[in-house]
Amino acid sequence: MDSLDNEGFSSFTRIDVFGRGRQKGIRIGPIVYDELAKVMLLIAANDEDTDEIVRIVEDSARTGSFGDGKIFVNAIDDAYTIRTGERGL
């Protein structure tokens, strides 16, 4: 998250979550840990910033091991600032 902030992308939401990927958790001996602690970031950005943000997250989060995560990119149809009623990002 410092990497995003250092590159000027300081607006995001960080959520501590639990989940698992295709590996279906981690097995240590007879015990399977299938609810693994993870971090989810929600970032609303302009289209032209998407590639840069993806690069920053990949560079700072990639370990090369299972569980590094996924990045999903979705269009945002509209946004409203509650305090001002302003429309748009």
C-alpha atoms as a PDB file:
ATOM      1  CA  MET A   1       0.000   0.000   0.000  1.00  0.00           C
ATOM      2  CA  ASP A   2       2.949   2.287   0.553  1.00  0.00           C
ATOM      3  CA  SER A   3       3.906   1.631  -3.070  1.00  0.00           C
ATOM      4  CA  LEU A   4       0.528   2.906  -4.257  1.00  0.00           C
ATOM      5  CA  ASP A   5       0.727   5.941  -2.000  1.00  0.00           C
ATOM      6  CA  ASN A   6       4.287   6.724  -3.118  1.00  0.00           C
ATOM      7  CA  GLU A   7       3.142   6.723  -6.763  1.00  0.00           C
ATOM      8  CA  GLY A   8       0.273   9.141  -6.060  1.00  0.00           C
ATOM      9  CA  PHE A   9      -2.566   6.627  -5.709  1.00  0.00           C
ATOM     10  CA  SER A  10      -3.514   7.271  -2.110  1.00  0.00           C
ATOM     11  CA  SER A  11      -7.276   6.652  -2.295  1.00  0.00           C
ATOM     12  CA  PHE A  12      -8.159   3.034  -1.677  1.00  0.00           C
ATOM     13  CA  THR A  13      -9.901   0.802   0.832  1.00  0.00           C
ATOM     14  CA  ARG A  14      -8.011  -2.021   2.567  1.00  0.00           C
ATOM     15  CA  ILE A  15     -10.054  -4.876   4.008  1.00  0.00           C
ATOM     16  CA  ASP A  16      -8.740  -7.843   5.997  1.00  0.00           C
ATOM     17  CA  VAL A  17     -10.558 -10.920   4.712  1.00  0.00           C
ATOM     18  CA  PHE A  18     -10.355 -14.710   4.904  1.00  0.00           C
ATOM     19  CA  GLY A  19     -10.519 -16.999   1.913  1.00  0.00           C
ATOM     20  CA  ARG A  20      -8.781 -19.513  -0.268  1.00  0.00           C
ATOM     21  CA  GLY A  21      -7.893 -19.986  -3.900  1.00  0.00           C
ATOM     22  CA  ARG A  22      -7.614 -23.001  -6.140  1.00  0.00           C
ATOM     23  CA  GLN A  23      -5.129 -24.583  -3.763  1.00  0.00           C
ATOM     24  CA  LYS A  24      -8.054 -25.007  -1.322  1.00  0.00           C
ATOM     25  CA  GLY A  25      -5.983 -23.926   1.631  1.00  0.00           C
ATOM     26  CA  ILE A  26      -2.766 -25.221   3.139  1.00  0.00           C
ATOM     27  CA  ARG A  27      -2.208 -28.721   4.556  1.00  0.00           C
ATOM     28  CA  ILE A  28       0.257 -29.112   7.396  1.00  0.00           C
ATOM     29  CA  GLY A  29       0.287 -32.744   8.420  1.00  0.00           C
ATOM     30  CA  PRO A  30      -3.301 -33.846   9.054  1.00  0.00           C
ATOM     31  CA  ILE A  31      -4.566 -30.275   9.488  1.00  0.00           C
ATOM     32  CA  VAL A  32      -5.986 -28.244   6.588  1.00  0.00           C
ATOM     33  CA  TYR A  33      -6.159 -24.477   6.929  1.00  0.00           C
ATOM     34  CA  ASP A  34      -8.778 -23.481   4.373  1.00  0.00           C
ATOM     35  CA  GLU A  35      -9.607 -19.999   5.624  1.00  0.00           C
ATOM     36  CA  LEU A  36      -6.431 -18.049   5.061  1.00  0.00           C
ATOM     37  CA  ALA A  37      -5.914 -14.437   6.089  1.00  0.00           C
ATOM     38  CA  LYS A  38      -5.753 -12.180   3.046  1.00  0.00           C
ATOM     39  CA  VAL A  39      -5.943  -8.492   2.227  1.00  0.00           C
ATOM     40  CA  MET A  40      -8.407  -7.072  -0.287  1.00  0.00           C
ATOM     41  CA  LEU A  41      -7.867  -3.651  -1.844  1.00  0.00           C
ATOM     42  CA  LEU A  42     -10.654  -1.697  -3.488  1.00  0.00           C
ATOM     43  CA  ILE A  43      -9.404   1.046  -5.771  1.00  0.00           C
ATOM     44  CA  ALA A  44     -11.526   3.329  -7.945  1.00  0.00           C
ATOM     45  CA  ALA A  45      -9.379   4.909 -10.638  1.00  0.00           C
ATOM     46  CA  ASN A  46      -9.531   6.541 -14.015  1.00  0.00           C
ATOM     47  CA  ASP A  47      -9.161   4.184 -16.982  1.00  0.00           C
ATOM     48  CA  GLU A  48      -5.814   5.675 -17.963  1.00  0.00           C
ATOM     49  CA  ASP A  49      -4.355   4.810 -14.522  1.00  0.00           C
ATOM     50  CA  THR A  50      -5.405   1.141 -14.517  1.00  0.00           C
ATOM     51  CA  ASP A  51      -2.264  -0.352 -16.075  1.00  0.00           C
ATOM     52  CA  GLU A  52      -0.001   1.628 -13.737  1.00  0.00           C
ATOM     53  CA  ILE A  53      -1.964   0.595 -10.643  1.00  0.00           C
ATOM     54  CA  VAL A  54      -1.937  -3.074 -11.719  1.00  0.00           C
ATOM     55  CA  ARG A  55       1.837  -2.889 -12.256  1.00  0.00           C
ATOM     56  CA  ILE A  56       2.409  -1.339  -8.818  1.00  0.00           C
ATOM     57  CA  VAL A  57       0.288  -3.954  -7.043  1.00  0.00           C
ATOM     58  CA  GLU A  58       1.907  -6.837  -8.946  1.00  0.00           C
ATOM     59  CA  ASP A  59       5.427  -5.548  -8.285  1.00  0.00           C
ATOM     60  CA  SER A  60       4.816  -5.096  -4.566  1.00  0.00           C
ATOM     61  CA  ALA A  61       2.703  -8.226  -3.923  1.00  0.00           C
ATOM     62  CA  ARG A  62       4.269 -10.920  -6.132  1.00  0.00           C
ATOM     63  CA  THR A  63       6.201 -13.582  -4.229  1.00  0.00           C
ATOM     64  CA  GLY A  64       5.955 -16.268  -6.893  1.00  0.00           C
ATOM     65  CA  SER A  65       4.087 -18.569  -4.520  1.00  0.00           C
ATOM     66  CA  PHE A  66       0.521 -19.833  -4.518  1.00  0.00           C
ATOM     67  CA  GLY A  67      -1.769 -17.323  -2.847  1.00  0.00           C
ATOM     68  CA  ASP A  68      -0.270 -14.145  -4.300  1.00  0.00           C
ATOM     69  CA  GLY A  69      -3.820 -13.229  -5.281  1.00  0.00           C
ATOM     70  CA  LYS A  70      -5.793 -11.917  -8.220  1.00  0.00           C
ATOM     71  CA  ILE A  71      -6.510  -8.499  -9.626  1.00  0.00           C
ATOM     72  CA  PHE A  72      -9.993  -7.924 -11.013  1.00  0.00           C
ATOM     73  CA  VAL A  73     -10.725  -4.861 -13.133  1.00  0.00           C
ATOM     74  CA  ASN A  74     -14.352  -3.760 -13.508  1.00  0.00           C
ATOM     75  CA  ALA A  75     -15.914  -0.688 -15.023  1.00  0.00           C
ATOM     76  CA  ILE A  76     -17.606   1.733 -12.652  1.00  0.00           C
ATOM     77  CA  ASP A  77     -20.751   3.143 -14.220  1.00  0.00           C
ATOM     78  CA  ASP A  78     -20.962   6.136 -11.937  1.00  0.00           C
ATOM     79  CA  ALA A  79     -19.883   7.499  -8.569  1.00  0.00           C
ATOM     80  CA  TYR A  80     -21.335  10.079  -6.200  1.00  0.00           C
ATOM     81  CA  THR A  81     -19.652  11.913  -3.346  1.00  0.00           C
ATOM     82  CA  ILE A  82     -22.152  11.869  -0.506  1.00  0.00           C
ATOM     83  CA  ARG A  83     -20.864  15.015   1.216  1.00  0.00           C
ATOM     84  CA  THR A  84     -21.062  17.253  -1.862  1.00  0.00           C
ATOM     85  CA  GLY A  85     -23.426  15.382  -4.162  1.00  0.00           C
ATOM     86  CA  GLU A  86     -20.749  15.618  -6.857  1.00  0.00           C
ATOM     87  CA  ARG A  87     -21.005  13.044  -9.597  1.00  0.00           C
ATOM     88  CA  GLY A  88     -18.000  11.193 -11.084  1.00  0.00           C
ATOM     89  CA  LEU A  89     -14.650  10.003  -9.809  1.00  0.00           C
END
